[in-house]
């Protein structure tokens, strides 16, 4: 392994992010700290702040990598759909892939929504762009179902559906669905059926 002073700024950044992800995966998001990351990579905590503005900035970079992984997984699932396929099939595939991802990477997924930054700090544009790419997966099939819907209605529908799917994923991850015998895929199907019936006829 290279000596500490052999690492470039980009190498140090990669080491820190990899260590942060390992800590999150193994110990949960509340175990994450600059001191613990520094110990994992053999640097002082102060050295991390030559690469990241603060711990919030480091968390944003971890979240950016998580979003990239999620978007790649969604893209892969959609690409495997048979051609032709219906917009409803595509939306179900996206929803189920989202649930699969939340179960596969529960702690990284949790960091995206449970880590809070001060109101004085603005989310970086590159992370906002990654979130918008997530919403774009839902936007396209919704437009196919209701081609005459205006932009505001589509944006509202995208976020409403995402909130529903995200809620199912969050409760499922904690075993708190409180429905005897109900599985998350049954709830997804029910959500989509009810929402999309209205959307395709009343948007």
C-alpha atoms as a PDB file:
ATOM      1  CA  UNK A   1       0.000   0.000   0.000  1.00  0.00           C
ATOM      2  CA  UNK A   2       1.245   3.472  -0.832  1.00  0.00           C
ATOM      3  CA  UNK A   3       2.657   5.654   1.908  1.00  0.00           C
ATOM      4  CA  UNK A   4       0.321   8.389   3.086  1.00  0.00           C
ATOM      5  CA  UNK A   5       2.193  11.156   1.299  1.00  0.00           C
ATOM      6  CA  UNK A   6       2.063   9.158  -1.947  1.00  0.00           C
ATOM      7  CA  UNK A   7      -1.690   9.679  -2.302  1.00  0.00           C
ATOM      8  CA  UNK A   8      -2.931  12.418  -4.575  1.00  0.00           C
ATOM      9  CA  UNK A   9      -5.945  14.525  -3.616  1.00  0.00           C
ATOM     10  CA  UNK A  10      -8.217  12.386  -5.823  1.00  0.00           C
ATOM     11  CA  UNK A  11      -6.810   9.159  -4.387  1.00  0.00           C
ATOM     12  CA  UNK A  12      -7.352  10.435  -0.864  1.00  0.00           C
ATOM     13  CA  UNK A  13     -10.918  11.369  -1.761  1.00  0.00           C
ATOM     14  CA  UNK A  14     -11.566   7.867  -3.134  1.00  0.00           C
ATOM     15  CA  UNK A  15     -10.041   6.234  -0.049  1.00  0.00           C
ATOM     16  CA  UNK A  16     -12.200   8.341   2.254  1.00  0.00           C
ATOM     17  CA  UNK A  17     -15.417   7.664   0.343  1.00  0.00           C
ATOM     18  CA  UNK A  18     -14.735   3.926   0.208  1.00  0.00           C
ATOM     19  CA  UNK A  19     -14.053   3.904   3.948  1.00  0.00           C
ATOM     20  CA  UNK A  20     -17.194   5.923   4.630  1.00  0.00           C
ATOM     21  CA  UNK A  21     -19.294   3.487   2.643  1.00  0.00           C
ATOM     22  CA  UNK A  22     -17.808   0.507   4.517  1.00  0.00           C
ATOM     23  CA  UNK A  23     -18.550   2.120   7.872  1.00  0.00           C
ATOM     24  CA  UNK A  24     -22.120   2.871   6.822  1.00  0.00           C
ATOM     25  CA  UNK A  25     -22.677  -0.636   5.436  1.00  0.00           C
ATOM     26  CA  UNK A  26     -21.256  -2.377   8.502  1.00  0.00           C
ATOM     27  CA  UNK A  27     -22.205  -0.061  11.376  1.00  0.00           C
ATOM     28  CA  UNK A  28     -25.006   2.207  10.147  1.00  0.00           C
ATOM     29  CA  UNK A  29     -25.175   5.890   9.362  1.00  0.00           C
ATOM     30  CA  UNK A  30     -24.876   7.053  12.974  1.00  0.00           C
ATOM     31  CA  UNK A  31     -21.419   5.484  13.227  1.00  0.00           C
ATOM     32  CA  UNK A  32     -20.048   7.730  10.489  1.00  0.00           C
ATOM     33  CA  UNK A  33     -17.536  10.358  11.615  1.00  0.00           C
ATOM     34  CA  UNK A  34     -14.482  12.100  10.188  1.00  0.00           C
ATOM     35  CA  UNK A  35     -12.336  10.597  12.957  1.00  0.00           C
ATOM     36  CA  UNK A  36     -13.464   7.042  12.172  1.00  0.00           C
ATOM     37  CA  UNK A  37     -12.936   7.485   8.426  1.00  0.00           C
ATOM     38  CA  UNK A  38      -9.470   8.930   9.054  1.00  0.00           C
ATOM     39  CA  UNK A  39      -8.549   5.956  11.235  1.00  0.00           C
ATOM     40  CA  UNK A  40      -9.616   3.559   8.497  1.00  0.00           C
ATOM     41  CA  UNK A  41      -7.347   5.178   5.906  1.00  0.00           C
ATOM     42  CA  UNK A  42      -4.404   6.087   8.140  1.00  0.00           C
ATOM     43  CA  UNK A  43      -4.767   9.852   8.054  1.00  0.00           C
ATOM     44  CA  UNK A  44      -5.667  12.511  10.573  1.00  0.00           C
ATOM     45  CA  UNK A  45      -9.227  13.829  10.621  1.00  0.00           C
ATOM     46  CA  UNK A  46      -7.850  17.255   9.729  1.00  0.00           C
ATOM     47  CA  UNK A  47      -6.441  15.889   6.473  1.00  0.00           C
ATOM     48  CA  UNK A  48      -9.951  14.986   5.316  1.00  0.00           C
ATOM     49  CA  UNK A  49     -10.863  18.654   5.401  1.00  0.00           C
ATOM     50  CA  UNK A  50      -8.285  19.335   2.737  1.00  0.00           C
ATOM     51  CA  UNK A  51     -10.503  17.257   0.439  1.00  0.00           C
ATOM     52  CA  UNK A  52     -14.000  17.839   1.836  1.00  0.00           C
ATOM     53  CA  UNK A  53     -15.427  21.060   3.252  1.00  0.00           C
ATOM     54  CA  UNK A  54     -16.910  19.216   6.228  1.00  0.00           C
ATOM     55  CA  UNK A  55     -18.643  15.942   7.103  1.00  0.00           C
ATOM     56  CA  UNK A  56     -21.821  17.110   5.360  1.00  0.00           C
ATOM     57  CA  UNK A  57     -19.856  17.575   2.143  1.00  0.00           C
ATOM     58  CA  UNK A  58     -18.429  14.063   2.495  1.00  0.00           C
ATOM     59  CA  UNK A  59     -21.940  12.674   3.047  1.00  0.00           C
ATOM     60  CA  UNK A  60     -23.146  14.484  -0.069  1.00  0.00           C
ATOM     61  CA  UNK A  61     -20.391  12.785  -2.079  1.00  0.00           C
ATOM     62  CA  UNK A  62     -21.358   9.384  -0.674  1.00  0.00           C
ATOM     63  CA  UNK A  63     -24.979  10.142  -1.544  1.00  0.00           C
ATOM     64  CA  UNK A  64     -23.917  11.128  -5.045  1.00  0.00           C
ATOM     65  CA  UNK A  65     -22.253   7.741  -5.506  1.00  0.00           C
ATOM     66  CA  UNK A  66     -25.336   6.021  -4.104  1.00  0.00           C
ATOM     67  CA  UNK A  67     -27.587   7.941  -6.502  1.00  0.00           C
ATOM     68  CA  UNK A  68     -25.337   6.992  -9.422  1.00  0.00           C
ATOM     69  CA  UNK A  69     -25.540   3.334  -8.392  1.00  0.00           C
ATOM     70  CA  UNK A  70     -29.322   3.564  -8.043  1.00  0.00           C
ATOM     71  CA  UNK A  71     -29.773   5.265 -11.411  1.00  0.00           C
ATOM     72  CA  UNK A  72     -27.540   2.666 -13.059  1.00  0.00           C
ATOM     73  CA  UNK A  73     -29.584  -0.135 -11.511  1.00  0.00           C
ATOM     74  CA  UNK A  74     -32.863   1.424 -12.651  1.00  0.00           C
ATOM     75  CA  UNK A  75     -31.484   1.897 -16.153  1.00  0.00           C
ATOM     76  CA  UNK A  76     -30.344  -1.736 -16.254  1.00  0.00           C
ATOM     77  CA  UNK A  77     -33.773  -3.029 -15.188  1.00  0.00           C
ATOM     78  CA  UNK A  78     -35.587  -0.894 -17.758  1.00  0.00           C
ATOM     79  CA  UNK A  79     -33.167  -1.964 -20.500  1.00  0.00           C
ATOM     80  CA  UNK A  80     -34.028  -5.621 -19.843  1.00  0.00           C
ATOM     81  CA  UNK A  81     -37.740  -5.088 -20.471  1.00  0.00           C
ATOM     82  CA  UNK A  82     -39.148  -6.792 -23.542  1.00  0.00           C
ATOM     83  CA  UNK A  83     -39.832  -4.529 -26.515  1.00  0.00           C
ATOM     84  CA  UNK A  84     -42.521  -3.387 -26.909  1.00  0.00           C
ATOM     85  CA  UNK A  85     -43.700  -2.914 -23.328  1.00  0.00           C
ATOM     86  CA  UNK A  86     -46.350  -0.730 -21.758  1.00  0.00           C
ATOM     87  CA  UNK A  87     -45.667   2.398 -19.674  1.00  0.00           C
ATOM     88  CA  UNK A  88     -47.330   0.648 -16.739  1.00  0.00           C
ATOM     89  CA  UNK A  89     -44.901  -2.277 -17.020  1.00  0.00           C
ATOM     90  CA  UNK A  90     -42.010   0.175 -17.079  1.00  0.00           C
ATOM     91  CA  UNK A  91     -43.253   2.012 -13.992  1.00  0.00           C
ATOM     92  CA  UNK A  92     -43.697  -1.263 -12.109  1.00  0.00           C
ATOM     93  CA  UNK A  93     -40.177  -2.326 -13.066  1.00  0.00           C
ATOM     94  CA  UNK A  94     -38.791   1.003 -11.826  1.00  0.00           C
ATOM     95  CA  UNK A  95     -40.727   0.740  -8.558  1.00  0.00           C
ATOM     96  CA  UNK A  96     -39.612  -2.833  -7.896  1.00  0.00           C
ATOM     97  CA  UNK A  97     -35.998  -1.960  -8.744  1.00  0.00           C
ATOM     98  CA  UNK A  98     -36.200   0.892  -6.227  1.00  0.00           C
ATOM     99  CA  UNK A  99     -37.422  -1.519  -3.541  1.00  0.00           C
ATOM    100  CA  UNK A 100     -34.684  -3.982  -4.468  1.00  0.00           C
ATOM    101  CA  UNK A 101     -32.030  -1.286  -4.171  1.00  0.00           C
ATOM    102  CA  UNK A 102     -33.286  -0.097  -0.780  1.00  0.00           C
ATOM    103  CA  UNK A 103     -33.091  -3.680   0.496  1.00  0.00           C
ATOM    104  CA  UNK A 104     -29.657  -4.299  -1.035  1.00  0.00           C
ATOM    105  CA  UNK A 105     -28.063  -1.106   0.325  1.00  0.00           C
ATOM    106  CA  UNK A 106     -30.244  -0.182   3.333  1.00  0.00           C
ATOM    107  CA  UNK A 107     -27.757   2.034   5.132  1.00  0.00           C
ATOM    108  CA  UNK A 108     -26.513   3.947   2.079  1.00  0.00           C
ATOM    109  CA  UNK A 109     -30.141   4.419   1.051  1.00  0.00           C
ATOM    110  CA  UNK A 110     -30.997   5.650   4.563  1.00  0.00           C
ATOM    111  CA  UNK A 111     -28.152   8.196   4.498  1.00  0.00           C
ATOM    112  CA  UNK A 112     -29.746   9.923   1.501  1.00  0.00           C
ATOM    113  CA  UNK A 113     -32.874  10.717   3.496  1.00  0.00           C
ATOM    114  CA  UNK A 114     -31.860  10.715   7.156  1.00  0.00           C
ATOM    115  CA  UNK A 115     -28.729  12.851   7.086  1.00  0.00           C
ATOM    116  CA  UNK A 116     -29.699  16.467   7.692  1.00  0.00           C
ATOM    117  CA  UNK A 117     -27.537  19.441   6.817  1.00  0.00           C
ATOM    118  CA  UNK A 118     -27.885  22.982   8.203  1.00  0.00           C
ATOM    119  CA  UNK A 119     -30.343  25.269   6.420  1.00  0.00           C
ATOM    120  CA  UNK A 120     -27.423  27.546   5.570  1.00  0.00           C
ATOM    121  CA  UNK A 121     -25.931  24.853   3.306  1.00  0.00           C
ATOM    122  CA  UNK A 122     -27.336  24.325  -0.169  1.00  0.00           C
ATOM    123  CA  UNK A 123     -27.400  20.941  -1.854  1.00  0.00           C
ATOM    124  CA  UNK A 124     -24.767  20.945  -4.640  1.00  0.00           C
ATOM    125  CA  UNK A 125     -26.027  21.134  -8.205  1.00  0.00           C
ATOM    126  CA  UNK A 126     -24.450  17.816  -9.187  1.00  0.00           C
ATOM    127  CA  UNK A 127     -26.445  16.004  -6.493  1.00  0.00           C
ATOM    128  CA  UNK A 128     -29.655  17.770  -7.508  1.00  0.00           C
ATOM    129  CA  UNK A 129     -28.969  16.665 -11.100  1.00  0.00           C
ATOM    130  CA  UNK A 130     -28.667  13.052  -9.919  1.00  0.00           C
ATOM    131  CA  UNK A 131     -32.034  13.306  -8.152  1.00  0.00           C
ATOM    132  CA  UNK A 132     -33.578  14.758 -11.302  1.00  0.00           C
ATOM    133  CA  UNK A 133     -32.234  11.810 -13.306  1.00  0.00           C
ATOM    134  CA  UNK A 134     -34.064   9.521 -10.879  1.00  0.00           C
ATOM    135  CA  UNK A 135     -37.317  11.401 -11.456  1.00  0.00           C
ATOM    136  CA  UNK A 136     -36.767  11.265 -15.232  1.00  0.00           C
ATOM    137  CA  UNK A 137     -37.198   7.479 -15.145  1.00  0.00           C
ATOM    138  CA  UNK A 138     -40.758   8.003 -13.896  1.00  0.00           C
ATOM    139  CA  UNK A 139     -41.541  11.054 -15.993  1.00  0.00           C
ATOM    140  CA  UNK A 140     -41.246   9.415 -19.419  1.00  0.00           C
ATOM    141  CA  UNK A 141     -43.793   6.585 -18.960  1.00  0.00           C
ATOM    142  CA  UNK A 142     -46.185   8.983 -17.180  1.00  0.00           C
ATOM    143  CA  UNK A 143     -46.096  11.248 -20.230  1.00  0.00           C
ATOM    144  CA  UNK A 144     -46.847   8.275 -22.460  1.00  0.00           C
ATOM    145  CA  UNK A 145     -49.941   7.485 -20.401  1.00  0.00           C
ATOM    146  CA  UNK A 146     -51.189  11.084 -20.451  1.00  0.00           C
ATOM    147  CA  UNK A 147     -49.562  12.894 -23.400  1.00  0.00           C
ATOM    148  CA  UNK A 148     -51.785  15.960 -22.994  1.00  0.00           C
ATOM    149  CA  UNK A 149     -50.865  16.575 -19.348  1.00  0.00           C
ATOM    150  CA  UNK A 150     -49.013  19.827 -18.708  1.00  0.00           C
ATOM    151  CA  UNK A 151     -45.549  19.969 -17.181  1.00  0.00           C
ATOM    152  CA  UNK A 152     -46.777  20.968 -13.726  1.00  0.00           C
ATOM    153  CA  UNK A 153     -49.166  18.000 -13.586  1.00  0.00           C
ATOM    154  CA  UNK A 154     -46.440  15.591 -14.704  1.00  0.00           C
ATOM    155  CA  UNK A 155     -43.981  16.885 -12.110  1.00  0.00           C
ATOM    156  CA  UNK A 156     -46.609  16.551  -9.384  1.00  0.00           C
ATOM    157  CA  UNK A 157     -47.453  13.007 -10.506  1.00  0.00           C
ATOM    158  CA  UNK A 158     -43.772  12.009 -10.571  1.00  0.00           C
ATOM    159  CA  UNK A 159     -43.277  13.137  -6.993  1.00  0.00           C
ATOM    160  CA  UNK A 160     -46.565  11.695  -5.772  1.00  0.00           C
ATOM    161  CA  UNK A 161     -45.713   8.273  -7.158  1.00  0.00           C
ATOM    162  CA  UNK A 162     -42.168   8.433  -5.849  1.00  0.00           C
ATOM    163  CA  UNK A 163     -43.431   9.370  -2.369  1.00  0.00           C
ATOM    164  CA  UNK A 164     -45.764   6.371  -2.431  1.00  0.00           C
ATOM    165  CA  UNK A 165     -43.089   3.919  -3.557  1.00  0.00           C
ATOM    166  CA  UNK A 166     -40.536   5.402  -1.174  1.00  0.00           C
ATOM    167  CA  UNK A 167     -42.981   5.066   1.721  1.00  0.00           C
ATOM    168  CA  UNK A 168     -43.552   1.392   0.951  1.00  0.00           C
ATOM    169  CA  UNK A 169     -39.789   0.835   0.721  1.00  0.00           C
ATOM    170  CA  UNK A 170     -39.133   2.639   4.013  1.00  0.00           C
ATOM    171  CA  UNK A 171     -41.837   0.779   5.943  1.00  0.00           C
ATOM    172  CA  UNK A 172     -40.907  -2.540   4.362  1.00  0.00           C
ATOM    173  CA  UNK A 173     -37.259  -2.076   5.377  1.00  0.00           C
ATOM    174  CA  UNK A 174     -38.372  -1.723   8.997  1.00  0.00           C
ATOM    175  CA  UNK A 175     -40.973  -4.502   8.937  1.00  0.00           C
ATOM    176  CA  UNK A 176     -43.722  -1.958   9.633  1.00  0.00           C
ATOM    177  CA  UNK A 177     -46.236  -2.529   6.832  1.00  0.00           C
ATOM    178  CA  UNK A 178     -48.816  -3.705   9.399  1.00  0.00           C
ATOM    179  CA  UNK A 179     -50.780  -5.746   6.860  1.00  0.00           C
ATOM    180  CA  UNK A 180     -51.136  -9.457   7.529  1.00  0.00           C
ATOM    181  CA  UNK A 181     -49.724 -11.423   4.634  1.00  0.00           C
ATOM    182  CA  UNK A 182     -49.163  -8.336   2.475  1.00  0.00           C
ATOM    183  CA  UNK A 183     -45.944  -8.181   0.488  1.00  0.00           C
ATOM    184  CA  UNK A 184     -44.317  -5.033  -0.785  1.00  0.00           C
ATOM    185  CA  UNK A 185     -44.908  -6.034  -4.418  1.00  0.00           C
ATOM    186  CA  UNK A 186     -48.644  -6.374  -3.741  1.00  0.00           C
ATOM    187  CA  UNK A 187     -48.680  -2.851  -2.301  1.00  0.00           C
ATOM    188  CA  UNK A 188     -46.732  -1.537  -5.291  1.00  0.00           C
ATOM    189  CA  UNK A 189     -49.217  -3.098  -7.693  1.00  0.00           C
ATOM    190  CA  UNK A 190     -52.144  -1.648  -5.758  1.00  0.00           C
ATOM    191  CA  UNK A 191     -50.577   1.818  -5.644  1.00  0.00           C
ATOM    192  CA  UNK A 192     -49.844   1.841  -9.360  1.00  0.00           C
ATOM    193  CA  UNK A 193     -53.250   0.461 -10.342  1.00  0.00           C
ATOM    194  CA  UNK A 194     -55.136   3.062  -8.332  1.00  0.00           C
ATOM    195  CA  UNK A 195     -52.938   6.021  -9.231  1.00  0.00           C
ATOM    196  CA  UNK A 196     -52.439   5.254 -12.900  1.00  0.00           C
ATOM    197  CA  UNK A 197     -56.131   4.543 -13.514  1.00  0.00           C
ATOM    198  CA  UNK A 198     -56.859   8.095 -12.447  1.00  0.00           C
ATOM    199  CA  UNK A 199     -53.784   9.514 -14.168  1.00  0.00           C
ATOM    200  CA  UNK A 200     -54.475   8.053 -17.602  1.00  0.00           C
ATOM    201  CA  UNK A 201     -58.132   9.141 -17.557  1.00  0.00           C
ATOM    202  CA  UNK A 202     -58.082  12.374 -15.568  1.00  0.00           C
ATOM    203  CA  UNK A 203     -54.686  14.036 -15.982  1.00  0.00           C
END
